[in-house]
Amino acid sequence: MVGRDAGNRRRPVEWPEWLPARLVGVVFVFAGGIHLLLPGTLLATGRVAYDLALRVRFEPRDGAHRRVRVVGAAMVAAGLHLLYHGGLIPE
């Protein structure tokens, strides 16, 4: 995107430096929420995708739902950190 300055010249739009981190944070919170709420659906999707794309059998073992939820909780925590701080390292 470009904008115009006082001399009517084109100049690139300057995004705030925290914006990309916060956008990634939103994606992490959303994806983590899906992991927390729908672990069975994600595992079933993985089963179908492995079968179609890789032609291998995907068999989740005992505790797979719990592990998917743990990953989801970590993703939500990371996303909330990025949203709050606007980057990896708090200022």
Protein backbone atom coordinates (compact mmCIF):
# COMPACT_ATOMS: atom_id res chain seq x y z
CA MET A 1 0.00 0.00 0.00
CA VAL A 2 1.10 3.51 -0.64
CA GLY A 3 -0.06 6.87 0.66
CA ARG A 4 0.47 10.48 -0.36
CA ASP A 5 2.58 13.05 1.46
CA ALA A 6 2.20 16.86 1.40
CA GLY A 7 4.05 17.10 -1.91
CA ASN A 8 1.59 14.62 -3.43
CA ARG A 9 4.38 12.08 -3.78
CA ARG A 10 3.83 8.40 -3.20
CA ARG A 11 5.31 6.96 -0.05
CA PRO A 12 4.96 3.51 1.51
CA VAL A 13 2.53 3.18 4.37
CA GLU A 14 4.37 2.65 7.63
CA TRP A 15 2.80 -0.09 9.73
CA PRO A 16 3.31 -0.04 13.48
CA GLU A 17 6.03 -2.53 14.39
CA TRP A 18 3.72 -4.35 16.84
CA LEU A 19 1.06 -5.09 14.19
CA PRO A 20 2.49 -8.34 12.73
CA ALA A 21 3.02 -9.83 16.18
CA ARG A 22 -0.53 -9.03 17.21
CA LEU A 23 -1.94 -10.49 14.00
CA VAL A 24 -0.01 -13.70 14.64
CA GLY A 25 -1.33 -13.59 18.21
CA VAL A 26 -4.92 -13.52 16.93
CA VAL A 27 -4.22 -16.51 14.68
CA PHE A 28 -2.61 -18.43 17.58
CA VAL A 29 -5.54 -17.76 19.91
CA PHE A 30 -8.04 -18.85 17.24
CA ALA A 31 -6.11 -22.02 16.32
CA GLY A 32 -5.47 -22.84 19.97
CA GLY A 33 -9.16 -22.47 20.73
CA ILE A 34 -9.98 -24.94 17.96
CA HIS A 35 -7.45 -27.38 19.46
CA LEU A 36 -9.04 -27.01 22.88
CA LEU A 37 -12.65 -27.32 21.71
CA LEU A 38 -12.42 -29.84 18.86
CA PRO A 39 -9.51 -32.25 19.39
CA GLY A 40 -11.47 -35.20 17.95
CA THR A 41 -12.29 -33.29 14.78
CA LEU A 42 -8.64 -32.32 14.32
CA LEU A 43 -7.51 -35.92 14.80
CA ALA A 44 -10.14 -37.15 12.33
CA THR A 45 -9.03 -34.50 9.83
CA GLY A 46 -5.43 -35.64 10.28
CA ARG A 47 -6.50 -39.24 9.69
CA VAL A 48 -8.22 -38.34 6.40
CA ALA A 49 -5.40 -36.04 5.27
CA TYR A 50 -2.71 -38.65 5.96
CA ASP A 51 -4.71 -41.26 4.08
CA LEU A 52 -5.38 -39.06 1.03
CA ALA A 53 -2.10 -37.18 0.77
CA LEU A 54 0.48 -39.60 2.11
CA ARG A 55 -1.25 -42.95 1.70
CA VAL A 56 -0.32 -43.94 5.24
CA ARG A 57 -2.44 -44.97 8.22
CA PHE A 58 -2.78 -42.43 11.00
CA GLU A 59 -3.83 -44.05 14.27
CA PRO A 60 -3.96 -41.73 17.30
CA ARG A 61 -2.82 -43.48 20.46
CA ASP A 62 -4.27 -43.26 23.95
CA GLY A 63 -4.14 -39.73 25.29
CA ALA A 64 -4.08 -38.08 21.85
CA HIS A 65 -7.07 -35.86 22.69
CA ARG A 66 -5.33 -34.66 25.83
CA ARG A 67 -2.10 -33.91 23.98
CA VAL A 68 -3.99 -31.94 21.30
CA ARG A 69 -5.61 -29.89 24.08
CA VAL A 70 -2.20 -29.25 25.70
CA VAL A 71 -0.90 -27.95 22.37
CA GLY A 72 -4.01 -25.77 22.13
CA ALA A 73 -3.45 -24.33 25.60
CA ALA A 74 0.17 -23.49 24.68
CA MET A 75 -0.99 -21.81 21.48
CA VAL A 76 -3.57 -19.72 23.33
CA ALA A 77 -0.96 -18.69 25.91
CA ALA A 78 1.54 -17.72 23.20
CA GLY A 79 -1.14 -15.84 21.27
CA LEU A 80 -2.27 -13.90 24.34
CA HIS A 81 1.36 -13.00 25.08
CA LEU A 82 1.78 -11.63 21.55
CA LEU A 83 -1.50 -9.74 21.73
CA TYR A 84 -0.69 -8.16 25.07
CA HIS A 85 2.98 -7.34 24.51
CA GLY A 86 3.02 -6.80 20.74
CA GLY A 87 6.17 -8.90 20.36
CA LEU A 88 8.17 -11.79 21.74
CA ILE A 89 10.09 -9.76 24.30
CA PRO A 90 8.06 -7.44 26.54
CA GLU A 91 9.27 -3.86 26.57
